[in-house]
C-alpha atoms as a PDB file:
ATOM      1  CA  MET A   1      72.550  92.067 111.051  1.00  0.00           C
ATOM      2  CA  LYS A   2      73.114  95.403 112.782  1.00  0.00           C
ATOM      3  CA  LEU A   3      75.483  97.584 110.757  1.00  0.00           C
ATOM      4  CA  GLY A   4      77.644 100.551 111.650  1.00  0.00           C
ATOM      5  CA  VAL A   5      79.517 102.860 109.298  1.00  0.00           C
ATOM      6  CA  ILE A   6      82.835 104.488 110.190  1.00  0.00           C
ATOM      7  CA  GLY A   7      83.294 107.685 108.218  1.00  0.00           C
ATOM      8  CA  ALA A   8      80.582 110.192 107.297  1.00  0.00           C
ATOM      9  CA  GLY A   9      82.009 111.590 104.093  1.00  0.00           C
ATOM     10  CA  ALA A  10      79.993 111.302 100.897  1.00  0.00           C
ATOM     11  CA  TRP A  11      80.631 107.585 100.394  1.00  0.00           C
ATOM     12  CA  GLY A  12      80.178 106.643 104.046  1.00  0.00           C
ATOM     13  CA  THR A  13      76.905 108.550 104.204  1.00  0.00           C
ATOM     14  CA  ALA A  14      75.687 106.941 100.979  1.00  0.00           C
ATOM     15  CA  LEU A  15      76.486 103.484 102.343  1.00  0.00           C
ATOM     16  CA  ALA A  16      74.641 104.306 105.563  1.00  0.00           C
ATOM     17  CA  GLN A  17      71.656 105.183 103.359  1.00  0.00           C
ATOM     18  CA  VAL A  18      71.956 101.804 101.589  1.00  0.00           C
ATOM     19  CA  ALA A  19      72.170  99.999 104.929  1.00  0.00           C
ATOM     20  CA  ALA A  20      69.163 101.874 106.299  1.00  0.00           C
ATOM     21  CA  ASN A  21      67.038 101.296 103.195  1.00  0.00           C
ATOM     22  CA  SER A  22      67.801  97.574 103.164  1.00  0.00           C
ATOM     23  CA  SER A  23      67.202  97.065 106.892  1.00  0.00           C
ATOM     24  CA  LYS A  24      64.126  95.617 108.563  1.00  0.00           C
ATOM     25  CA  GLY A  25      63.762  98.615 110.824  1.00  0.00           C
ATOM     26  CA  GLU A  26      67.211  98.443 112.432  1.00  0.00           C
ATOM     27  CA  ILE A  27      69.067 101.638 113.280  1.00  0.00           C
ATOM     28  CA  VAL A  28      72.299 102.213 111.343  1.00  0.00           C
ATOM     29  CA  ARG A  29      75.026 103.911 113.354  1.00  0.00           C
ATOM     30  CA  LEU A  30      77.158 106.404 111.437  1.00  0.00           C
ATOM     31  CA  TRP A  31      80.375 107.614 113.062  1.00  0.00           C
ATOM     32  CA  ALA A  32      81.312 111.156 112.032  1.00  0.00           C
ATOM     33  CA  LEU A  33      84.443 113.117 112.827  1.00  0.00           C
ATOM     34  CA  GLU A  34      82.810 116.547 112.559  1.00  0.00           C
ATOM     35  CA  PRO A  35      80.224 117.565 115.212  1.00  0.00           C
ATOM     36  CA  GLU A  36      78.322 119.599 112.629  1.00  0.00           C
ATOM     37  CA  VAL A  37      77.832 116.486 110.509  1.00  0.00           C
ATOM     38  CA  THR A  38      76.530 114.526 113.488  1.00  0.00           C
ATOM     39  CA  ALA A  39      74.077 117.312 114.292  1.00  0.00           C
ATOM     40  CA  ALA A  40      72.844 117.682 110.689  1.00  0.00           C
ATOM     41  CA  VAL A  41      72.278 113.940 110.240  1.00  0.00           C
ATOM     42  CA  ASN A  42      70.417 113.561 113.534  1.00  0.00           C
ATOM     43  CA  GLN A  43      68.411 116.764 113.487  1.00  0.00           C
ATOM     44  CA  ARG A  44      67.702 117.376 109.793  1.00  0.00           C
ATOM     45  CA  HIS A  45      68.461 113.975 108.211  1.00  0.00           C
ATOM     46  CA  GLU A  46      70.989 115.410 105.795  1.00  0.00           C
ATOM     47  CA  ASN A  47      74.737 115.825 105.369  1.00  0.00           C
ATOM     48  CA  PRO A  48      75.134 119.177 103.627  1.00  0.00           C
ATOM     49  CA  LEU A  49      78.904 119.198 104.175  1.00  0.00           C
ATOM     50  CA  TYR A  50      79.660 116.074 102.131  1.00  0.00           C
ATOM     51  CA  LEU A  51      76.446 114.902 100.457  1.00  0.00           C
ATOM     52  CA  PRO A  52      74.237 117.954  99.883  1.00  0.00           C
ATOM     53  CA  ASN A  53      70.665 117.881  98.594  1.00  0.00           C
ATOM     54  CA  ILE A  54      70.068 114.276  99.668  1.00  0.00           C
ATOM     55  CA  SER A  55      67.346 113.399 102.181  1.00  0.00           C
ATOM     56  CA  LEU A  56      68.634 110.701 104.533  1.00  0.00           C
ATOM     57  CA  SER A  57      66.713 107.924 106.230  1.00  0.00           C
ATOM     58  CA  ASP A  58      65.608 108.639 109.787  1.00  0.00           C
ATOM     59  CA  ARG A  59      67.032 105.213 110.685  1.00  0.00           C
ATOM     60  CA  ILE A  60      70.553 106.643 110.330  1.00  0.00           C
ATOM     61  CA  VAL A  61      71.801 107.810 113.728  1.00  0.00           C
ATOM     62  CA  ALA A  62      75.097 109.682 113.739  1.00  0.00           C
ATOM     63  CA  THR A  63      77.549 109.660 116.626  1.00  0.00           C
ATOM     64  CA  SER A  64      80.991 111.031 117.431  1.00  0.00           C
ATOM     65  CA  LEU A  65      81.789 108.115 119.763  1.00  0.00           C
ATOM     66  CA  LEU A  66      83.218 104.893 118.365  1.00  0.00           C
ATOM     67  CA  GLU A  67      81.984 103.177 121.532  1.00  0.00           C
ATOM     68  CA  ASP A  68      78.439 103.587 120.219  1.00  0.00           C
ATOM     69  CA  LEU A  69      79.270 101.053 117.495  1.00  0.00           C
ATOM     70  CA  ALA A  70      80.287  98.341 119.967  1.00  0.00           C
ATOM     71  CA  ASP A  71      77.087  96.317 119.548  1.00  0.00           C
ATOM     72  CA  CYS A  72      77.178  96.255 115.725  1.00  0.00           C
ATOM     73  CA  ASP A  73      77.402  92.891 113.985  1.00  0.00           C
ATOM     74  CA  ALA A  74      79.614  94.319 111.212  1.00  0.00           C
ATOM     75  CA  LEU A  75      81.228  97.667 110.426  1.00  0.00           C
ATOM     76  CA  LEU A  76      81.610  99.342 107.047  1.00  0.00           C
ATOM     77  CA  VAL A  77      84.928 101.220 107.210  1.00  0.00           C
ATOM     78  CA  VAL A  78      84.937 104.261 104.931  1.00  0.00           C
ATOM     79  CA  THR A  79      87.732 106.415 106.334  1.00  0.00           C
ATOM     80  CA  PRO A  80      90.395 107.697 103.889  1.00  0.00           C
ATOM     81  CA  ALA A  81      92.943 104.970 103.196  1.00  0.00           C
ATOM     82  CA  GLN A  82      95.839 106.784 104.857  1.00  0.00           C
ATOM     83  CA  HIS A  83      93.827 107.097 108.097  1.00  0.00           C
ATOM     84  CA  LEU A  84      92.542 103.536 108.262  1.00  0.00           C
ATOM     85  CA  ARG A  85      95.167 102.281 110.705  1.00  0.00           C
ATOM     86  CA  THR A  86      94.660 105.088 113.210  1.00  0.00           C
ATOM     87  CA  SER A  87      90.882 104.772 112.949  1.00  0.00           C
ATOM     88  CA  ILE A  88      90.492 101.054 113.578  1.00  0.00           C
ATOM     89  CA  VAL A  89      93.056 100.901 116.363  1.00  0.00           C
ATOM     90  CA  ARG A  90      90.504 102.816 118.462  1.00  0.00           C
ATOM     91  CA  LEU A  91      87.626 100.398 117.867  1.00  0.00           C
ATOM     92  CA  PRO A  92      86.089  99.024 121.089  1.00  0.00           C
ATOM     93  CA  VAL A  93      85.629  95.510 119.626  1.00  0.00           C
ATOM     94  CA  ARG A  94      88.591  93.632 118.136  1.00  0.00           C
ATOM     95  CA  ASP A  95      86.901  90.757 116.295  1.00  0.00           C
ATOM     96  CA  VAL A  96      83.926  92.414 114.597  1.00  0.00           C
ATOM     97  CA  PRO A  97      83.728  91.816 110.807  1.00  0.00           C
ATOM     98  CA  LEU A  98      85.028  94.805 108.854  1.00  0.00           C
ATOM     99  CA  VAL A  99      83.834  95.679 105.350  1.00  0.00           C
ATOM    100  CA  LEU A 100      86.584  97.801 103.827  1.00  0.00           C
ATOM    101  CA  CYS A 101      85.181 100.465 101.512  1.00  0.00           C
ATOM    102  CA  SER A 102      88.203 102.788 101.189  1.00  0.00           C
ATOM    103  CA  LYS A 103      90.430 102.582  98.119  1.00  0.00           C
ATOM    104  CA  GLY A 104      94.166 103.001  98.445  1.00  0.00           C
ATOM    105  CA  ILE A 105      97.555 101.648  99.503  1.00  0.00           C
ATOM    106  CA  GLU A 106      99.104 102.687 102.810  1.00  0.00           C
ATOM    107  CA  ALA A 107     102.086 105.030 102.532  1.00  0.00           C
ATOM    108  CA  GLY A 108     105.301 103.733 104.044  1.00  0.00           C
ATOM    109  CA  THR A 109     104.234 100.110 104.338  1.00  0.00           C
ATOM    110  CA  MET A 110     102.860  99.708 100.771  1.00  0.00           C
ATOM    111  CA  LYS A 111     100.140  97.526 102.312  1.00  0.00           C
ATOM    112  CA  LEU A 112      96.608  97.081 101.040  1.00  0.00           C
ATOM    113  CA  MET A 113      93.778  97.941 103.410  1.00  0.00           C
ATOM    114  CA  SER A 114      93.157  94.282 104.295  1.00  0.00           C
ATOM    115  CA  GLU A 115      96.822  93.917 105.201  1.00  0.00           C
ATOM    116  CA  VAL A 116      96.626  96.966 107.453  1.00  0.00           C
ATOM    117  CA  VAL A 117      93.635  95.432 109.252  1.00  0.00           C
ATOM    118  CA  ALA A 118      95.539  92.147 109.624  1.00  0.00           C
ATOM    119  CA  ASP A 119      98.287  94.100 111.404  1.00  0.00           C
ATOM    120  CA  VAL A 120      95.984  95.927 113.797  1.00  0.00           C
ATOM    121  CA  MET A 121      93.041  93.539 114.252  1.00  0.00           C
ATOM    122  CA  PRO A 122      94.217  90.038 113.264  1.00  0.00           C
ATOM    123  CA  ASP A 123      91.029  88.423 114.615  1.00  0.00           C
ATOM    124  CA  ALA A 124      88.637  90.572 112.564  1.00  0.00           C
ATOM    125  CA  PRO A 125      87.029  88.895 109.527  1.00  0.00           C
ATOM    126  CA  ILE A 126      87.532  91.042 106.425  1.00  0.00           C
ATOM    127  CA  ALA A 127      85.424  91.817 103.364  1.00  0.00           C
ATOM    128  CA  VAL A 128      85.990  94.407 100.633  1.00  0.00           C
ATOM    129  CA  LEU A 129      83.229  96.367  98.916  1.00  0.00           C
ATOM    130  CA  SER A 130      84.349  98.087  95.728  1.00  0.00           C
ATOM    131  CA  GLY A 131      83.081  99.034  92.294  1.00  0.00           C
ATOM    132  CA  PRO A 132      81.872 101.889  90.070  1.00  0.00           C
ATOM    133  CA  THR A 133      80.055 104.030  92.619  1.00  0.00           C
ATOM    134  CA  PHE A 134      79.444 107.743  92.710  1.00  0.00           C
ATOM    135  CA  ALA A 135      78.127 108.426  96.200  1.00  0.00           C
ATOM    136  CA  HIS A 136      75.354 110.836  95.212  1.00  0.00           C
ATOM    137  CA  GLU A 137      73.883 108.324  92.763  1.00  0.00           C
ATOM    138  CA  VAL A 138      73.972 105.509  95.341  1.00  0.00           C
ATOM    139  CA  ALA A 139      72.317 107.735  97.947  1.00  0.00           C
ATOM    140  CA  LYS A 140      69.551 108.637  95.490  1.00  0.00           C
ATOM    141  CA  GLY A 141      68.847 104.962  94.880  1.00  0.00           C
ATOM    142  CA  LEU A 142      70.027 104.916  91.258  1.00  0.00           C
ATOM    143  CA  PRO A 143      71.013 101.457  89.949  1.00  0.00           C
ATOM    144  CA  THR A 144      74.479 100.409  91.113  1.00  0.00           C
ATOM    145  CA  ALA A 145      76.469  97.158  91.086  1.00  0.00           C
ATOM    146  CA  VAL A 146      79.503  96.397  93.251  1.00  0.00           C
ATOM    147  CA  THR A 147      81.932  93.615  94.057  1.00  0.00           C
ATOM    148  CA  LEU A 148      81.723  92.172  97.567  1.00  0.00           C
ATOM    149  CA  ALA A 149      84.916  90.178  98.114  1.00  0.00           C
ATOM    150  CA  CYS A 150      85.360  87.945 101.135  1.00  0.00           C
ATOM    151  CA  ALA A 151      87.202  84.693 101.839  1.00  0.00           C
ATOM    152  CA  ASP A 152      84.534  83.641 104.358  1.00  0.00           C
ATOM    153  CA  LEU A 153      81.614  82.594 102.143  1.00  0.00           C
ATOM    154  CA  ALA A 154      79.122  82.427 105.019  1.00  0.00           C
ATOM    155  CA  LEU A 155      79.937  85.998 106.070  1.00  0.00           C
ATOM    156  CA  GLN A 156      79.833  87.079 102.448  1.00  0.00           C
ATOM    157  CA  ARG A 157      76.296  85.729 102.037  1.00  0.00           C
ATOM    158  CA  ARG A 158      75.119  87.424 105.227  1.00  0.00           C
ATOM    159  CA  LEU A 159      76.543  90.764 104.142  1.00  0.00           C
ATOM    160  CA  ALA A 160      75.196  90.462 100.612  1.00  0.00           C
ATOM    161  CA  GLU A 161      71.713  89.619 101.865  1.00  0.00           C
ATOM    162  CA  ARG A 162      71.829  92.477 104.382  1.00  0.00           C
ATOM    163  CA  LEU A 163      72.854  95.126 101.825  1.00  0.00           C
ATOM    164  CA  ALA A 164      70.939  93.839  98.815  1.00  0.00           C
ATOM    165  CA  GLN A 165      68.119  95.815  97.254  1.00  0.00           C
ATOM    166  CA  PRO A 166      66.932  96.116  93.647  1.00  0.00           C
ATOM    167  CA  THR A 167      69.057  99.180  92.947  1.00  0.00           C
ATOM    168  CA  PHE A 168      72.160  98.012  94.850  1.00  0.00           C
ATOM    169  CA  ARG A 169      73.434  94.717  93.486  1.00  0.00           C
ATOM    170  CA  THR A 170      76.358  92.893  95.091  1.00  0.00           C
ATOM    171  CA  TYR A 171      78.363  90.419  93.026  1.00  0.00           C
ATOM    172  CA  GLN A 172      80.374  88.002  95.150  1.00  0.00           C
ATOM    173  CA  SER A 173      84.072  87.156  94.894  1.00  0.00           C
ATOM    174  CA  ASP A 174      86.691  85.594  97.148  1.00  0.00           C
ATOM    175  CA  ASP A 175      89.523  87.650  95.592  1.00  0.00           C
ATOM    176  CA  VAL A 176      90.029  90.315  98.249  1.00  0.00           C
ATOM    177  CA  THR A 177      93.393  91.366  96.818  1.00  0.00           C
ATOM    178  CA  GLY A 178      92.009  91.877  93.319  1.00  0.00           C
ATOM    179  CA  ALA A 179      89.081  93.963  94.546  1.00  0.00           C
ATOM    180  CA  GLU A 180      91.428  96.194  96.533  1.00  0.00           C
ATOM    181  CA  ILE A 181      94.021  96.683  93.806  1.00  0.00           C
ATOM    182  CA  GLY A 182      91.430  97.600  91.191  1.00  0.00           C
ATOM    183  CA  GLY A 183      89.977 100.288  93.453  1.00  0.00           C
ATOM    184  CA  ALA A 184      93.367 101.724  94.382  1.00  0.00           C
ATOM    185  CA  VAL A 185      94.983 101.822  90.943  1.00  0.00           C
ATOM    186  CA  LYS A 186      91.977 103.252  89.106  1.00  0.00           C
ATOM    187  CA  ASN A 187      92.175 106.422  91.223  1.00  0.00           C
ATOM    188  CA  VAL A 188      95.667 107.128  89.896  1.00  0.00           C
ATOM    189  CA  LEU A 189      94.637 106.410  86.309  1.00  0.00           C
ATOM    190  CA  ALA A 190      91.630 108.713  86.677  1.00  0.00           C
ATOM    191  CA  ILE A 191      94.021 111.584  87.387  1.00  0.00           C
ATOM    192  CA  ALA A 192      95.810 110.817  84.118  1.00  0.00           C
ATOM    193  CA  CYS A 193      92.533 110.800  82.184  1.00  0.00           C
ATOM    194  CA  GLY A 194      91.608 114.107  83.761  1.00  0.00           C
ATOM    195  CA  VAL A 195      94.855 115.531  82.404  1.00  0.00           C
ATOM    196  CA  VAL A 196      93.822 114.402  78.910  1.00  0.00           C
ATOM    197  CA  ALA A 197      90.531 116.276  79.331  1.00  0.00           C
ATOM    198  CA  GLY A 198      92.220 119.376  80.735  1.00  0.00           C
ATOM    199  CA  MET A 199      94.644 119.513  77.810  1.00  0.00           C
ATOM    200  CA  GLN A 200      91.810 118.811  75.335  1.00  0.00           C
ATOM    201  CA  LEU A 201      93.697 115.929  73.766  1.00  0.00           C
ATOM    202  CA  GLY A 202      90.513 114.241  72.543  1.00  0.00           C
ATOM    203  CA  GLN A 203      88.499 111.077  72.998  1.00  0.00           C
ATOM    204  CA  ASN A 204      91.005 108.904  71.111  1.00  0.00           C
ATOM    205  CA  ALA A 205      93.655 109.749  73.676  1.00  0.00           C
ATOM    206  CA  ASN A 206      91.283 109.108  76.557  1.00  0.00           C
ATOM    207  CA  ALA A 207      90.302 105.679  75.219  1.00  0.00           C
ATOM    208  CA  ALA A 208      93.947 104.784  74.651  1.00  0.00           C
ATOM    209  CA  LEU A 209      94.846 105.864  78.170  1.00  0.00           C
ATOM    210  CA  ILE A 210      92.026 103.844  79.753  1.00  0.00           C
ATOM    211  CA  SER A 211      93.079 100.761  77.762  1.00  0.00           C
ATOM    212  CA  ARG A 212      96.764 101.062  78.565  1.00  0.00           C
ATOM    213  CA  GLY A 213      95.911 101.974  82.142  1.00  0.00           C
ATOM    214  CA  PHE A 214      93.954  98.753  82.442  1.00  0.00           C
ATOM    215  CA  VAL A 215      97.049  96.869  81.252  1.00  0.00           C
ATOM    216  CA  GLU A 216      99.035  98.663  83.952  1.00  0.00           C
ATOM    217  CA  MET A 217      96.438  97.771  86.596  1.00  0.00           C
ATOM    218  CA  THR A 218      96.413  94.131  85.505  1.00  0.00           C
ATOM    219  CA  ARG A 219     100.195  93.856  85.359  1.00  0.00           C
ATOM    220  CA  PHE A 220     100.576  95.214  88.884  1.00  0.00           C
ATOM    221  CA  GLY A 221      97.597  93.265  90.221  1.00  0.00           C
ATOM    222  CA  LEU A 222      98.786  89.908  88.944  1.00  0.00           C
ATOM    223  CA  ALA A 223     102.203  90.533  90.454  1.00  0.00           C
ATOM    224  CA  ARG A 224     100.543  91.177  93.826  1.00  0.00           C
ATOM    225  CA  GLY A 225      98.399  88.036  93.689  1.00  0.00           C
ATOM    226  CA  ALA A 226      95.144  89.320  92.185  1.00  0.00           C
ATOM    227  CA  ARG A 227      93.172  87.352  89.620  1.00  0.00           C
ATOM    228  CA  ALA A 228      92.739  88.704  86.097  1.00  0.00           C
ATOM    229  CA  GLU A 229      88.973  88.083  86.088  1.00  0.00           C
ATOM    230  CA  THR A 230      88.551  90.240  89.191  1.00  0.00           C
ATOM    231  CA  LEU A 231      90.447  93.109  87.600  1.00  0.00           C
ATOM    232  CA  SER A 232      88.257  92.870  84.484  1.00  0.00           C
ATOM    233  CA  GLY A 233      85.109  93.064  86.627  1.00  0.00           C
ATOM    234  CA  LEU A 234      83.248  95.759  88.531  1.00  0.00           C
ATOM    235  CA  SER A 235      85.997  96.572  91.030  1.00  0.00           C
ATOM    236  CA  GLY A 236      88.625  96.941  88.305  1.00  0.00           C
ATOM    237  CA  LEU A 237      87.600  97.792  84.762  1.00  0.00           C
ATOM    238  CA  GLY A 238      84.109  98.912  85.783  1.00  0.00           C
ATOM    239  CA  ASP A 239      85.402 101.396  88.334  1.00  0.00           C
ATOM    240  CA  LEU A 240      88.151 102.501  85.947  1.00  0.00           C
ATOM    241  CA  VAL A 241      85.678 103.412  83.203  1.00  0.00           C
ATOM    242  CA  LEU A 242      83.469 105.382  85.591  1.00  0.00           C
ATOM    243  CA  THR A 243      86.174 107.473  87.225  1.00  0.00           C
ATOM    244  CA  CYS A 244      88.079 108.086  83.990  1.00  0.00           C
ATOM    245  CA  THR A 245      85.138 109.672  82.180  1.00  0.00           C
ATOM    246  CA  SER A 246      83.412 112.080  84.561  1.00  0.00           C
ATOM    247  CA  THR A 247      84.182 115.289  86.423  1.00  0.00           C
ATOM    248  CA  ALA A 248      82.060 113.867  89.266  1.00  0.00           C
ATOM    249  CA  SER A 249      85.225 111.898  90.079  1.00  0.00           C
ATOM    250  CA  ARG A 250      87.463 113.842  92.463  1.00  0.00           C
ATOM    251  CA  ASN A 251      90.542 112.223  90.923  1.00  0.00           C
ATOM    252  CA  PHE A 252      89.482 113.057  87.360  1.00  0.00           C
ATOM    253  CA  SER A 253      88.795 116.648  88.418  1.00  0.00           C
ATOM    254  CA  LEU A 254      92.247 116.912  90.001  1.00  0.00           C
ATOM    255  CA  GLY A 255      93.823 115.682  86.772  1.00  0.00           C
ATOM    256  CA  LYS A 256      91.736 118.081  84.691  1.00  0.00           C
ATOM    257  CA  GLY A 257      93.097 120.950  86.744  1.00  0.00           C
ATOM    258  CA  LEU A 258      96.656 119.702  86.211  1.00  0.00           C
ATOM    259  CA  GLY A 259      95.995 119.498  82.478  1.00  0.00           C
ATOM    260  CA  GLU A 260      94.777 123.099  82.516  1.00  0.00           C
ATOM    261  CA  GLY A 261      98.103 124.195  83.976  1.00  0.00           C
ATOM    262  CA  ARG A 262      97.352 124.489  87.688  1.00  0.00           C
ATOM    263  CA  SER A 263      99.625 122.953  90.315  1.00  0.00           C
ATOM    264  CA  ALA A 264      98.727 119.975  92.480  1.00  0.00           C
ATOM    265  CA  GLN A 265      99.404 122.035  95.595  1.00  0.00           C
ATOM    266  CA  GLU A 266      96.952 124.703  94.490  1.00  0.00           C
ATOM    267  CA  LEU A 267      94.290 122.195  93.467  1.00  0.00           C
ATOM    268  CA  MET A 268      94.424 120.209  96.700  1.00  0.00           C
ATOM    269  CA  ALA A 269      94.633 123.169  99.057  1.00  0.00           C
ATOM    270  CA  ASP A 270      90.957 124.067  98.762  1.00  0.00           C
ATOM    271  CA  ARG A 271      89.569 120.512  98.808  1.00  0.00           C
ATOM    272  CA  ARG A 272      87.556 119.285 101.763  1.00  0.00           C
ATOM    273  CA  THR A 273      87.108 115.884 100.159  1.00  0.00           C
ATOM    274  CA  VAL A 274      90.074 113.644  99.362  1.00  0.00           C
ATOM    275  CA  ALA A 275      91.340 112.828  95.867  1.00  0.00           C
ATOM    276  CA  GLU A 276      92.724 109.505  97.069  1.00  0.00           C
ATOM    277  CA  GLY A 277      94.724 108.917  93.891  1.00  0.00           C
ATOM    278  CA  ALA A 278      97.076 111.769  94.794  1.00  0.00           C
ATOM    279  CA  PHE A 279      98.143 109.879  97.912  1.00  0.00           C
ATOM    280  CA  THR A 280      98.106 106.459  96.266  1.00  0.00           C
ATOM    281  CA  ALA A 281     100.232 107.431  93.238  1.00  0.00           C
ATOM    282  CA  PRO A 282     103.670 107.698  94.939  1.00  0.00           C
ATOM    283  CA  VAL A 283     102.945 104.588  97.025  1.00  0.00           C
ATOM    284  CA  LEU A 284     101.919 102.656  93.913  1.00  0.00           C
ATOM    285  CA  GLN A 285     105.043 103.862  92.134  1.00  0.00           C
ATOM    286  CA  ALA A 286     107.248 102.620  94.981  1.00  0.00           C
ATOM    287  CA  ALA A 287     105.368  99.323  95.160  1.00  0.00           C
ATOM    288  CA  GLY A 288     105.741  98.788  91.417  1.00  0.00           C
ATOM    289  CA  ARG A 289     109.454  99.429  91.554  1.00  0.00           C
ATOM    290  CA  ALA A 290     109.824  97.083  94.529  1.00  0.00           C
ATOM    291  CA  ILE A 291     108.498  94.165  92.467  1.00  0.00           C
ATOM    292  CA  ASN A 292     109.998  95.353  89.156  1.00  0.00           C
ATOM    293  CA  VAL A 293     106.643  96.003  87.468  1.00  0.00           C
ATOM    294  CA  PRO A 294     106.652  98.874  84.925  1.00  0.00           C
ATOM    295  CA  ILE A 295     103.813 101.354  85.501  1.00  0.00           C
ATOM    296  CA  PRO A 296     104.630 104.325  83.219  1.00  0.00           C
ATOM    297  CA  ILE A 297     101.276 106.109  83.518  1.00  0.00           C
ATOM    298  CA  THR A 298     101.633 106.113  87.297  1.00  0.00           C
ATOM    299  CA  ASP A 299     105.177 107.460  86.912  1.00  0.00           C
ATOM    300  CA  ALA A 300     103.849 110.332  84.783  1.00  0.00           C
ATOM    301  CA  VAL A 301     101.122 111.135  87.319  1.00  0.00           C
ATOM    302  CA  CYS A 302     103.692 111.185  90.126  1.00  0.00           C
ATOM    303  CA  GLY A 303     105.814 113.632  88.154  1.00  0.00           C
ATOM    304  CA  MET A 304     102.899 116.020  87.748  1.00  0.00           C
ATOM    305  CA  LEU A 305     101.892 115.715  91.400  1.00  0.00           C
ATOM    306  CA  ASP A 306     105.380 116.460  92.755  1.00  0.00           C
ATOM    307  CA  GLY A 307     105.970 119.253  90.222  1.00  0.00           C
ATOM    308  CA  SER A 308     108.900 117.610  88.437  1.00  0.00           C
ATOM    309  CA  LEU A 309     106.869 117.354  85.224  1.00  0.00           C
ATOM    310  CA  THR A 310     104.418 119.684  83.573  1.00  0.00           C
ATOM    311  CA  ALA A 311     101.359 118.099  82.009  1.00  0.00           C
ATOM    312  CA  ARG A 312     102.880 118.642  78.551  1.00  0.00           C
ATOM    313  CA  GLN A 313     106.133 116.977  79.600  1.00  0.00           C
ATOM    314  CA  ALA A 314     104.268 114.047  81.126  1.00  0.00           C
ATOM    315  CA  VAL A 315     102.309 113.463  77.911  1.00  0.00           C
ATOM    316  CA  ASP A 316     105.438 113.770  75.779  1.00  0.00           C
ATOM    317  CA  GLN A 317     107.206 111.294  78.056  1.00  0.00           C
ATOM    318  CA  LEU A 318     104.461 108.711  77.541  1.00  0.00           C
ATOM    319  CA  LEU A 319     104.270 109.280  73.778  1.00  0.00           C
ATOM    320  CA  ALA A 320     108.043 108.863  73.475  1.00  0.00           C
ATOM    321  CA  ARG A 321     108.021 105.355  74.977  1.00  0.00           C
ATOM    322  CA  PRO A 322     109.306 102.609  72.673  1.00  0.00           C
ATOM    323  CA  ILE A 323     106.597 100.880  70.646  1.00  0.00           C
ATOM    324  CA  GLY A 324     106.159  97.257  71.655  1.00  0.00           C
ATOM    325  CA  SER A 325     103.704  94.387  71.955  1.00  0.00           C
ATOM    326  CA  GLU A 326     100.231  95.248  73.226  1.00  0.00           C
ATOM    327  CA  LEU A 327     100.262  92.367  75.729  1.00  0.00           C
END
C-alpha cells in the first residue's frame, strides 16, 4: 500500500517516518506547504522547522504539489482541523481512502473531520488515527499505541498492517465518532490543566480536573453518538492523560501561560505551531449548547481565551459550581 501524507508539521512528518519505516521499500510522499520544508526533507532528510534534531528516512520524498500524491493508495491527512476542508477540496483523486489524523471540530459547521470529508469527498473511505502521541517520540521510534477507527474492516486491516511495527501499535475500532471526539475535546481540557500548572494549584487540582474533564468528554461524546468504551480508550482517556500532564503539549503550554497571567493573544502571536484546542474550544462550547450538554470546563477555557475571564476568575467560577452527583 503506497501512502502519502498531507501536512508536514511535526505530526505529519512523524507519521511519514512511521510509514517509511514500516514500508517494504516504497517511497512515502509528504506534501509540505513551505518550500523550505520540502528542500530540507529532500536534501538533508530533516525537518528543522517543525521536528528538529530528528533524522528522517531517505524513503520520505517531500513535494509542494498535491498532484504528486495522485497514485497513492491511501492518504494520511494531517493538516490543522480548520484547514481540512480547503486542503482536501484540491486533491486530484476523489475516492482515495483518507486517514484523518487532525484533531478538532470545524468552526461554523460544528462538524467533525469525518463529516467535513463526507461533505467534500462523499466517495472517499474514511479512517481516523488518534491517541496519545507526541510527534518527536513517534519519530524517534519510542513505543506508541493508537486507535485506528474505520467502519470498513477490510480497509482497517490493510491500514493497520501497513503502519504496524513493534513500536507503533494500532488498536482497531469501528467507532469513528468516538475516536474523533476524544481527540478534539482533550485539546481543550489540556489548556485547562495547563492553567492549573501555571497558577501552581497543585497535583490534587490537576487530577480532579482530568477526572471531571473526562466526564465532560464522555457526556458530550455520548450525546454525539460516540461509545463510552472508545472514550475510555487510547483516543480518549489515554490522549487526555498525556496532553494534560506535559509541557510538550502545545495546548498544555498555552494554558500554563494563561495561568501565569499572560493573554491568549500574546501567547498565540509567536507560535508557528497550532494549539488546536484554542480553535476547538469556542466550537465545542457552541456544539454543547446546541444539544443542551453542560461542559463547564470548556466554558471556563473559552472565557480565558476571549479575555472575558482571568485565570483566577475561571477557577473561582468552577469551584463555585453547585455540588452534585459524580455521575
